[in-house]
Amino acid sequence: MEILLLVVAMIVVGVIMSFIAGFIWKERNPDEVRRDYIASIITAVVVGFMSWFIIPMLGFSDTLKYISAATEPAGSALIVLWIIRKAKK
């Protein structure tokens, strides 16, 4: 059940970050908007899983696991969207 909640939370984070990215970079093309949503959701889920499982394996506390699972996917999604825009130019 914990994994399902993690996936749902990371999907929500990915959607929110792609919505915010639309305001930052002002993309209006539907293909680019769709690409932003897909890229940020995938990034948020992958980084969320990495934070959730790797942090405890390294011996850090559960508090750090929760903090990193809450913050890293959001920042990573924005960084990936920025890299996609730079690579496109």
PDB file of N, CA and C in Angstrom:
ATOM      1  N   MET A   1       0.823  -1.195   0.000  1.00  0.00           N
ATOM      2  CA  MET A   1       0.000   0.000   0.000  1.00  0.00           C
ATOM      3  C   MET A   1       0.867   1.259   0.000  1.00  0.00           C
ATOM      4  N   GLU A   2       2.008   1.174   0.674  1.00  0.00           N
ATOM      5  CA  GLU A   2       2.913   2.314   0.746  1.00  0.00           C
ATOM      6  C   GLU A   2       3.471   2.667  -0.632  1.00  0.00           C
ATOM      7  N   ILE A   3       3.750   1.657  -1.438  1.00  0.00           N
ATOM      8  CA  ILE A   3       4.285   1.879  -2.785  1.00  0.00           C
ATOM      9  C   ILE A   3       3.241   2.552  -3.666  1.00  0.00           C
ATOM     10  N   LEU A   4       1.994   2.130  -3.550  1.00  0.00           N
ATOM     11  CA  LEU A   4       0.920   2.731  -4.338  1.00  0.00           C
ATOM     12  C   LEU A   4       0.763   4.210  -4.000  1.00  0.00           C
ATOM     13  N   LEU A   5       0.825   4.547  -2.730  1.00  0.00           N
ATOM     14  CA  LEU A   5       0.735   5.949  -2.325  1.00  0.00           C
ATOM     15  C   LEU A   5       1.924   6.755  -2.843  1.00  0.00           C
ATOM     16  N   LEU A   6       3.100   6.135  -2.852  1.00  0.00           N
ATOM     17  CA  LEU A   6       4.283   6.803  -3.382  1.00  0.00           C
ATOM     18  C   LEU A   6       4.114   7.098  -4.870  1.00  0.00           C
ATOM     19  N   VAL A   7       3.644   6.124  -5.622  1.00  0.00           N
ATOM     20  CA  VAL A   7       3.458   6.320  -7.067  1.00  0.00           C
ATOM     21  C   VAL A   7       2.422   7.409  -7.330  1.00  0.00           C
ATOM     22  N   VAL A   8       1.308   7.373  -6.628  1.00  0.00           N
ATOM     23  CA  VAL A   8       0.272   8.389  -6.824  1.00  0.00           C
ATOM     24  C   VAL A   8       0.803   9.776  -6.460  1.00  0.00           C
ATOM     25  N   ALA A   9       1.544   9.862  -5.367  1.00  0.00           N
ATOM     26  CA  ALA A   9       2.112  11.152  -4.962  1.00  0.00           C
ATOM     27  C   ALA A   9       3.108  11.666  -5.992  1.00  0.00           C
ATOM     28  N   MET A  10       3.922  10.792  -6.550  1.00  0.00           N
ATOM     29  CA  MET A  10       4.906  11.222  -7.544  1.00  0.00           C
ATOM     30  C   MET A  10       4.237  11.623  -8.862  1.00  0.00           C
ATOM     31  N   ILE A  11       3.141  10.973  -9.216  1.00  0.00           N
ATOM     32  CA  ILE A  11       2.393  11.381 -10.408  1.00  0.00           C
ATOM     33  C   ILE A  11       1.813  12.779 -10.201  1.00  0.00           C
ATOM     34  N   VAL A  12       1.284  13.020  -9.016  1.00  0.00           N
ATOM     35  CA  VAL A  12       0.739  14.352  -8.713  1.00  0.00           C
ATOM     36  C   VAL A  12       1.850  15.397  -8.746  1.00  0.00           C
ATOM     37  N   VAL A  13       3.003  15.074  -8.198  1.00  0.00           N
ATOM     38  CA  VAL A  13       4.144  16.002  -8.232  1.00  0.00           C
ATOM     39  C   VAL A  13       4.555  16.272  -9.672  1.00  0.00           C
ATOM     40  N   GLY A  14       4.608  15.256 -10.509  1.00  0.00           N
ATOM     41  CA  GLY A  14       4.959  15.442 -11.912  1.00  0.00           C
ATOM     42  C   GLY A  14       3.982  16.323 -12.652  1.00  0.00           C
ATOM     43  N   VAL A  15       2.701  16.147 -12.384  1.00  0.00           N
ATOM     44  CA  VAL A  15       1.679  16.987 -13.035  1.00  0.00           C
ATOM     45  C   VAL A  15       1.807  18.436 -12.575  1.00  0.00           C
ATOM     46  N   ILE A  16       2.022  18.637 -11.291  1.00  0.00           N
ATOM     47  CA  ILE A  16       2.161  20.002 -10.767  1.00  0.00           C
ATOM     48  C   ILE A  16       3.405  20.675 -11.337  1.00  0.00           C
ATOM     49  N   MET A  17       4.506  19.949 -11.426  1.00  0.00           N
ATOM     50  CA  MET A  17       5.740  20.542 -11.954  1.00  0.00           C
ATOM     51  C   MET A  17       5.628  20.880 -13.440  1.00  0.00           C
ATOM     52  N   SER A  18       4.940  20.057 -14.202  1.00  0.00           N
ATOM     53  CA  SER A  18       4.772  20.392 -15.619  1.00  0.00           C
ATOM     54  C   SER A  18       3.814  21.565 -15.782  1.00  0.00           C
ATOM     55  N   PHE A  19       2.842  21.694 -14.912  1.00  0.00           N
ATOM     56  CA  PHE A  19       1.947  22.843 -14.931  1.00  0.00           C
ATOM     57  C   PHE A  19       2.727  24.121 -14.605  1.00  0.00           C
ATOM     58  N   ILE A  20       3.591  24.054 -13.610  1.00  0.00           N
ATOM     59  CA  ILE A  20       4.423  25.204 -13.252  1.00  0.00           C
ATOM     60  C   ILE A  20       5.410  25.526 -14.369  1.00  0.00           C
ATOM     61  N   ALA A  21       5.950  24.508 -15.011  1.00  0.00           N
ATOM     62  CA  ALA A  21       6.885  24.721 -16.116  1.00  0.00           C
ATOM     63  C   ALA A  21       6.214  25.451 -17.270  1.00  0.00           C
ATOM     64  N   GLY A  22       4.923  25.223 -17.469  1.00  0.00           N
ATOM     65  CA  GLY A  22       4.198  25.952 -18.503  1.00  0.00           C
ATOM     66  C   GLY A  22       4.173  27.447 -18.242  1.00  0.00           C
ATOM     67  N   PHE A  23       4.127  27.837 -16.993  1.00  0.00           N
ATOM     68  CA  PHE A  23       4.175  29.254 -16.652  1.00  0.00           C
ATOM     69  C   PHE A  23       5.593  29.813 -16.750  1.00  0.00           C
ATOM     70  N   ILE A  24       6.577  28.984 -16.449  1.00  0.00           N
ATOM     71  CA  ILE A  24       7.962  29.456 -16.490  1.00  0.00           C
ATOM     72  C   ILE A  24       8.419  29.668 -17.922  1.00  0.00           C
ATOM     73  N   TRP A  25       8.164  28.691 -18.802  1.00  0.00           N
ATOM     74  CA  TRP A  25       8.680  28.764 -20.172  1.00  0.00           C
ATOM     75  C   TRP A  25       7.642  29.143 -21.202  1.00  0.00           C
ATOM     76  N   LYS A  26       6.417  29.291 -20.844  1.00  0.00           N
ATOM     77  CA  LYS A  26       5.336  29.774 -21.712  1.00  0.00           C
ATOM     78  C   LYS A  26       5.210  28.998 -23.023  1.00  0.00           C
ATOM     79  N   GLU A  27       5.135  27.688 -22.932  1.00  0.00           N
ATOM     80  CA  GLU A  27       4.937  26.841 -24.108  1.00  0.00           C
ATOM     81  C   GLU A  27       3.442  26.702 -24.385  1.00  0.00           C
ATOM     82  N   ARG A  28       3.045  26.927 -25.584  1.00  0.00           N
ATOM     83  CA  ARG A  28       1.624  26.830 -25.937  1.00  0.00           C
ATOM     84  C   ARG A  28       1.327  25.735 -26.954  1.00  0.00           C
ATOM     85  N   ASN A  29       2.350  25.118 -27.519  1.00  0.00           N
ATOM     86  CA  ASN A  29       2.161  24.046 -28.485  1.00  0.00           C
ATOM     87  C   ASN A  29       1.668  22.796 -27.753  1.00  0.00           C
ATOM     88  N   PRO A  30       0.542  22.205 -28.191  1.00  0.00           N
ATOM     89  CA  PRO A  30       0.014  21.027 -27.476  1.00  0.00           C
ATOM     90  C   PRO A  30       0.976  19.849 -27.412  1.00  0.00           C
ATOM     91  N   ASP A  31       1.794  19.670 -28.454  1.00  0.00           N
ATOM     92  CA  ASP A  31       2.761  18.568 -28.428  1.00  0.00           C
ATOM     93  C   ASP A  31       3.814  18.788 -27.353  1.00  0.00           C
ATOM     94  N   GLU A  32       4.261  20.019 -27.203  1.00  0.00           N
ATOM     95  CA  GLU A  32       5.263  20.312 -26.184  1.00  0.00           C
ATOM     96  C   GLU A  32       4.676  20.220 -24.785  1.00  0.00           C
ATOM     97  N   VAL A  33       3.441  20.622 -24.627  1.00  0.00           N
ATOM     98  CA  VAL A  33       2.783  20.517 -23.326  1.00  0.00           C
ATOM     99  C   VAL A  33       2.613  19.052 -22.943  1.00  0.00           C
ATOM    100  N   ARG A  34       2.201  18.223 -23.873  1.00  0.00           N
ATOM    101  CA  ARG A  34       2.057  16.785 -23.624  1.00  0.00           C
ATOM    102  C   ARG A  34       3.407  16.167 -23.282  1.00  0.00           C
ATOM    103  N   ARG A  35       4.452  16.563 -23.995  1.00  0.00           N
ATOM    104  CA  ARG A  35       5.795  16.062 -23.734  1.00  0.00           C
ATOM    105  C   ARG A  35       6.259  16.461 -22.335  1.00  0.00           C
ATOM    106  N   ASP A  36       5.923  17.688 -21.931  1.00  0.00           N
ATOM    107  CA  ASP A  36       6.289  18.148 -20.588  1.00  0.00           C
ATOM    108  C   ASP A  36       5.636  17.290 -19.516  1.00  0.00           C
ATOM    109  N   TYR A  37       4.357  17.005 -19.675  1.00  0.00           N
ATOM    110  CA  TYR A  37       3.656  16.186 -18.683  1.00  0.00           C
ATOM    111  C   TYR A  37       4.238  14.781 -18.604  1.00  0.00           C
ATOM    112  N   ILE A  38       4.500  14.177 -19.749  1.00  0.00           N
ATOM    113  CA  ILE A  38       5.041  12.817 -19.769  1.00  0.00           C
ATOM    114  C   ILE A  38       6.434  12.785 -19.151  1.00  0.00           C
ATOM    115  N   ALA A  39       7.300  13.729 -19.551  1.00  0.00           N
ATOM    116  CA  ALA A  39       8.675  13.747 -19.045  1.00  0.00           C
ATOM    117  C   ALA A  39       8.721  14.026 -17.547  1.00  0.00           C
ATOM    118  N   SER A  40       7.900  14.939 -17.078  1.00  0.00           N
ATOM    119  CA  SER A  40       7.966  15.256 -15.651  1.00  0.00           C
ATOM    120  C   SER A  40       7.356  14.152 -14.785  1.00  0.00           C
ATOM    121  N   ILE A  41       6.331  13.472 -15.264  1.00  0.00           N
ATOM    122  CA  ILE A  41       5.755  12.359 -14.502  1.00  0.00           C
ATOM    123  C   ILE A  41       6.746  11.206 -14.418  1.00  0.00           C
ATOM    124  N   ILE A  42       7.366  10.854 -15.543  1.00  0.00           N
ATOM    125  CA  ILE A  42       8.350   9.765 -15.532  1.00  0.00           C
ATOM    126  C   ILE A  42       9.527  10.113 -14.628  1.00  0.00           C
ATOM    127  N   THR A  43      10.017  11.349 -14.735  1.00  0.00           N
ATOM    128  CA  THR A  43      11.140  11.774 -13.896  1.00  0.00           C
ATOM    129  C   THR A  43      10.779  11.734 -12.418  1.00  0.00           C
ATOM    130  N   ALA A  44       9.606  12.236 -12.076  1.00  0.00           N
ATOM    131  CA  ALA A  44       9.196  12.273 -10.673  1.00  0.00           C
ATOM    132  C   ALA A  44       9.053  10.863 -10.097  1.00  0.00           C
ATOM    133  N   VAL A  45       8.487   9.954 -10.871  1.00  0.00           N
ATOM    134  CA  VAL A  45       8.315   8.584 -10.377  1.00  0.00           C
ATOM    135  C   VAL A  45       9.663   7.889 -10.208  1.00  0.00           C
ATOM    136  N   VAL A  46      10.552   8.034 -11.169  1.00  0.00           N
ATOM    137  CA  VAL A  46      11.860   7.375 -11.083  1.00  0.00           C
ATOM    138  C   VAL A  46      12.685   7.939  -9.925  1.00  0.00           C
ATOM    139  N   VAL A  47      12.743   9.254  -9.822  1.00  0.00           N
ATOM    140  CA  VAL A  47      13.519   9.869  -8.742  1.00  0.00           C
ATOM    141  C   VAL A  47      12.876   9.582  -7.383  1.00  0.00           C
ATOM    142  N   GLY A  48      11.546   9.544  -7.334  1.00  0.00           N
ATOM    143  CA  GLY A  48      10.865   9.212  -6.087  1.00  0.00           C
ATOM    144  C   GLY A  48      11.196   7.807  -5.614  1.00  0.00           C
ATOM    145  N   PHE A  49      11.196   6.857  -6.534  1.00  0.00           N
ATOM    146  CA  PHE A  49      11.569   5.482  -6.174  1.00  0.00           C
ATOM    147  C   PHE A  49      13.023   5.404  -5.733  1.00  0.00           C
ATOM    148  N   MET A  50      13.893   6.110  -6.445  1.00  0.00           N
ATOM    149  CA  MET A  50      15.299   6.089  -6.061  1.00  0.00           C
ATOM    150  C   MET A  50      15.482   6.665  -4.663  1.00  0.00           C
ATOM    151  N   SER A  51      14.822   7.766  -4.379  1.00  0.00           N
ATOM    152  CA  SER A  51      14.934   8.364  -3.046  1.00  0.00           C
ATOM    153  C   SER A  51      14.364   7.442  -1.983  1.00  0.00           C
ATOM    154  N   TRP A  52      13.258   6.812  -2.299  1.00  0.00           N
ATOM    155  CA  TRP A  52      12.567   5.987  -1.315  1.00  0.00           C
ATOM    156  C   TRP A  52      13.354   4.735  -0.938  1.00  0.00           C
ATOM    157  N   PHE A  53      14.037   4.142  -1.916  1.00  0.00           N
ATOM    158  CA  PHE A  53      14.724   2.881  -1.655  1.00  0.00           C
ATOM    159  C   PHE A  53      16.219   3.033  -1.407  1.00  0.00           C
ATOM    160  N   ILE A  54      16.881   3.988  -2.028  1.00  0.00           N
ATOM    161  CA  ILE A  54      18.333   4.098  -1.903  1.00  0.00           C
ATOM    162  C   ILE A  54      18.750   4.790  -0.609  1.00  0.00           C
ATOM    163  N   ILE A  55      18.003   5.817  -0.184  1.00  0.00           N
ATOM    164  CA  ILE A  55      18.364   6.537   1.047  1.00  0.00           C
ATOM    165  C   ILE A  55      18.436   5.586   2.251  1.00  0.00           C
ATOM    166  N   PRO A  56      17.443   4.709   2.484  1.00  0.00           N
ATOM    167  CA  PRO A  56      17.571   3.782   3.622  1.00  0.00           C
ATOM    168  C   PRO A  56      18.696   2.761   3.443  1.00  0.00           C
ATOM    169  N   MET A  57      18.971   2.374   2.196  1.00  0.00           N
ATOM    170  CA  MET A  57      20.050   1.417   1.961  1.00  0.00           C
ATOM    171  C   MET A  57      21.412   2.019   2.300  1.00  0.00           C
ATOM    172  N   LEU A  58      21.518   3.339   2.210  1.00  0.00           N
ATOM    173  CA  LEU A  58      22.765   4.009   2.552  1.00  0.00           C
ATOM    174  C   LEU A  58      22.917   4.221   4.052  1.00  0.00           C
ATOM    175  N   GLY A  59      21.867   3.899   4.811  1.00  0.00           N
ATOM    176  CA  GLY A  59      21.946   3.975   6.259  1.00  0.00           C
ATOM    177  C   GLY A  59      21.408   5.255   6.863  1.00  0.00           C
ATOM    178  N   PHE A  60      20.738   6.075   6.057  1.00  0.00           N
ATOM    179  CA  PHE A  60      20.171   7.311   6.582  1.00  0.00           C
ATOM    180  C   PHE A  60      18.821   7.039   7.237  1.00  0.00           C
ATOM    181  N   SER A  61      18.338   8.000   7.973  1.00  0.00           N
ATOM    182  CA  SER A  61      17.105   7.818   8.745  1.00  0.00           C
ATOM    183  C   SER A  61      15.865   7.882   7.853  1.00  0.00           C
ATOM    184  N   ASP A  62      14.752   7.448   8.423  1.00  0.00           N
ATOM    185  CA  ASP A  62      13.485   7.515   7.696  1.00  0.00           C
ATOM    186  C   ASP A  62      13.043   8.957   7.465  1.00  0.00           C
ATOM    187  N   THR A  63      13.428   9.853   8.358  1.00  0.00           N
ATOM    188  CA  THR A  63      13.067  11.259   8.182  1.00  0.00           C
ATOM    189  C   THR A  63      13.685  11.806   6.907  1.00  0.00           C
ATOM    190  N   LEU A  64      14.945  11.498   6.669  1.00  0.00           N
ATOM    191  CA  LEU A  64      15.601  11.938   5.443  1.00  0.00           C
ATOM    192  C   LEU A  64      14.964  11.295   4.219  1.00  0.00           C
ATOM    193  N   LYS A  65      14.509  10.069   4.360  1.00  0.00           N
ATOM    194  CA  LYS A  65      13.831   9.384   3.257  1.00  0.00           C
ATOM    195  C   LYS A  65      12.564  10.143   2.861  1.00  0.00           C
ATOM    196  N   TYR A  66      11.781  10.553   3.848  1.00  0.00           N
ATOM    197  CA  TYR A  66      10.549  11.283   3.553  1.00  0.00           C
ATOM    198  C   TYR A  66      10.831  12.672   2.983  1.00  0.00           C
ATOM    199  N   ILE A  67      11.832  13.336   3.523  1.00  0.00           N
ATOM    200  CA  ILE A  67      12.173  14.672   3.023  1.00  0.00           C
ATOM    201  C   ILE A  67      12.674  14.599   1.591  1.00  0.00           C
ATOM    202  N   SER A  68      13.535  13.645   1.303  1.00  0.00           N
ATOM    203  CA  SER A  68      14.067  13.530  -0.057  1.00  0.00           C
ATOM    204  C   SER A  68      13.002  13.065  -1.045  1.00  0.00           C
ATOM    205  N   ALA A  69      12.097  12.204  -0.611  1.00  0.00           N
ATOM    206  CA  ALA A  69      11.022  11.764  -1.508  1.00  0.00           C
ATOM    207  C   ALA A  69      10.036  12.888  -1.786  1.00  0.00           C
ATOM    208  N   ALA A  70       9.983  13.876  -0.911  1.00  0.00           N
ATOM    209  CA  ALA A  70       9.071  14.998  -1.118  1.00  0.00           C
ATOM    210  C   ALA A  70       9.693  16.117  -1.951  1.00  0.00           C
ATOM    211  N   THR A  71      11.011  16.282  -1.899  1.00  0.00           N
ATOM    212  CA  THR A  71      11.630  17.431  -2.564  1.00  0.00           C
ATOM    213  C   THR A  71      12.381  17.095  -3.851  1.00  0.00           C
ATOM    214  N   GLU A  72      13.079  15.995  -3.889  1.00  0.00           N
ATOM    215  CA  GLU A  72      13.903  15.678  -5.053  1.00  0.00           C
ATOM    216  C   GLU A  72      13.116  15.492  -6.347  1.00  0.00           C
ATOM    217  N   PRO A  73      11.983  14.798  -6.359  1.00  0.00           N
ATOM    218  CA  PRO A  73      11.269  14.629  -7.627  1.00  0.00           C
ATOM    219  C   PRO A  73      10.814  15.946  -8.252  1.00  0.00           C
ATOM    220  N   ALA A  74      10.425  16.903  -7.425  1.00  0.00           N
ATOM    221  CA  ALA A  74       9.966  18.184  -7.963  1.00  0.00           C
ATOM    222  C   ALA A  74      11.107  18.928  -8.645  1.00  0.00           C
ATOM    223  N   GLY A  75      12.220  19.028  -7.975  1.00  0.00           N
ATOM    224  CA  GLY A  75      13.367  19.706  -8.567  1.00  0.00           C
ATOM    225  C   GLY A  75      13.915  18.973  -9.770  1.00  0.00           C
ATOM    226  N   SER A  76      13.949  17.662  -9.695  1.00  0.00           N
ATOM    227  CA  SER A  76      14.454  16.867 -10.819  1.00  0.00           C
ATOM    228  C   SER A  76      13.580  17.008 -12.055  1.00  0.00           C
ATOM    229  N   ALA A  77      12.275  17.073 -11.857  1.00  0.00           N
ATOM    230  CA  ALA A  77      11.365  17.233 -12.998  1.00  0.00           C
ATOM    231  C   ALA A  77      11.609  18.562 -13.702  1.00  0.00           C
ATOM    232  N   LEU A  78      11.793  19.627 -12.934  1.00  0.00           N
ATOM    233  CA  LEU A  78      12.073  20.923 -13.558  1.00  0.00           C
ATOM    234  C   LEU A  78      13.425  20.928 -14.256  1.00  0.00           C
ATOM    235  N   ILE A  79      14.415  20.281 -13.679  1.00  0.00           N
ATOM    236  CA  ILE A  79      15.732  20.223 -14.313  1.00  0.00           C
ATOM    237  C   ILE A  79      15.664  19.443 -15.623  1.00  0.00           C
ATOM    238  N   VAL A  80      14.945  18.334 -15.641  1.00  0.00           N
ATOM    239  CA  VAL A  80      14.813  17.545 -16.873  1.00  0.00           C
ATOM    240  C   VAL A  80      14.071  18.348 -17.944  1.00  0.00           C
ATOM    241  N   LEU A  81      13.037  19.070 -17.581  1.00  0.00           N
ATOM    242  CA  LEU A  81      12.316  19.894 -18.563  1.00  0.00           C
ATOM    243  C   LEU A  81      13.213  21.004 -19.108  1.00  0.00           C
ATOM    244  N   TRP A  82      14.057  21.572 -18.262  1.00  0.00           N
ATOM    245  CA  TRP A  82      14.993  22.598 -18.713  1.00  0.00           C
ATOM    246  C   TRP A  82      16.014  21.989 -19.680  1.00  0.00           C
ATOM    247  N   ILE A  83      16.519  20.783 -19.370  1.00  0.00           N
ATOM    248  CA  ILE A  83      17.487  20.121 -20.251  1.00  0.00           C
ATOM    249  C   ILE A  83      16.849  19.793 -21.597  1.00  0.00           C
ATOM    250  N   ILE A  84      15.599  19.361 -21.591  1.00  0.00           N
ATOM    251  CA  ILE A  84      14.914  19.077 -22.856  1.00  0.00           C
ATOM    252  C   ILE A  84      14.809  20.326 -23.708  1.00  0.00           C
ATOM    253  N   ARG A  85      14.506  21.455 -23.098  1.00  0.00           N
ATOM    254  CA  ARG A  85      14.400  22.700 -23.857  1.00  0.00           C
ATOM    255  C   ARG A  85      15.756  23.150 -24.399  1.00  0.00           C
ATOM    256  N   LYS A  86      16.797  22.982 -23.618  1.00  0.00           N
ATOM    257  CA  LYS A  86      18.138  23.351 -24.082  1.00  0.00           C
ATOM    258  C   LYS A  86      18.604  22.428 -25.206  1.00  0.00           C
ATOM    259  N   ALA A  87      18.278  21.156 -25.112  1.00  0.00           N
ATOM    260  CA  ALA A  87      18.689  20.206 -26.160  1.00  0.00           C
ATOM    261  C   ALA A  87      17.915  20.437 -27.447  1.00  0.00           C
ATOM    262  N   LYS A  88      16.709  20.948 -27.318  1.00  0.00           N
ATOM    263  CA  LYS A  88      15.868  21.185 -28.491  1.00  0.00           C
ATOM    264  C   LYS A  88      16.400  22.339 -29.333  1.00  0.00           C
ATOM    265  N   LYS A  89      17.057  23.302 -28.685  1.00  0.00           N
ATOM    266  CA  LYS A  89      17.563  24.476 -29.421  1.00  0.00           C
ATOM    267  C   LYS A  89      18.794  24.198 -30.186  1.00  0.00           C
TER     268      LYS A  89
END
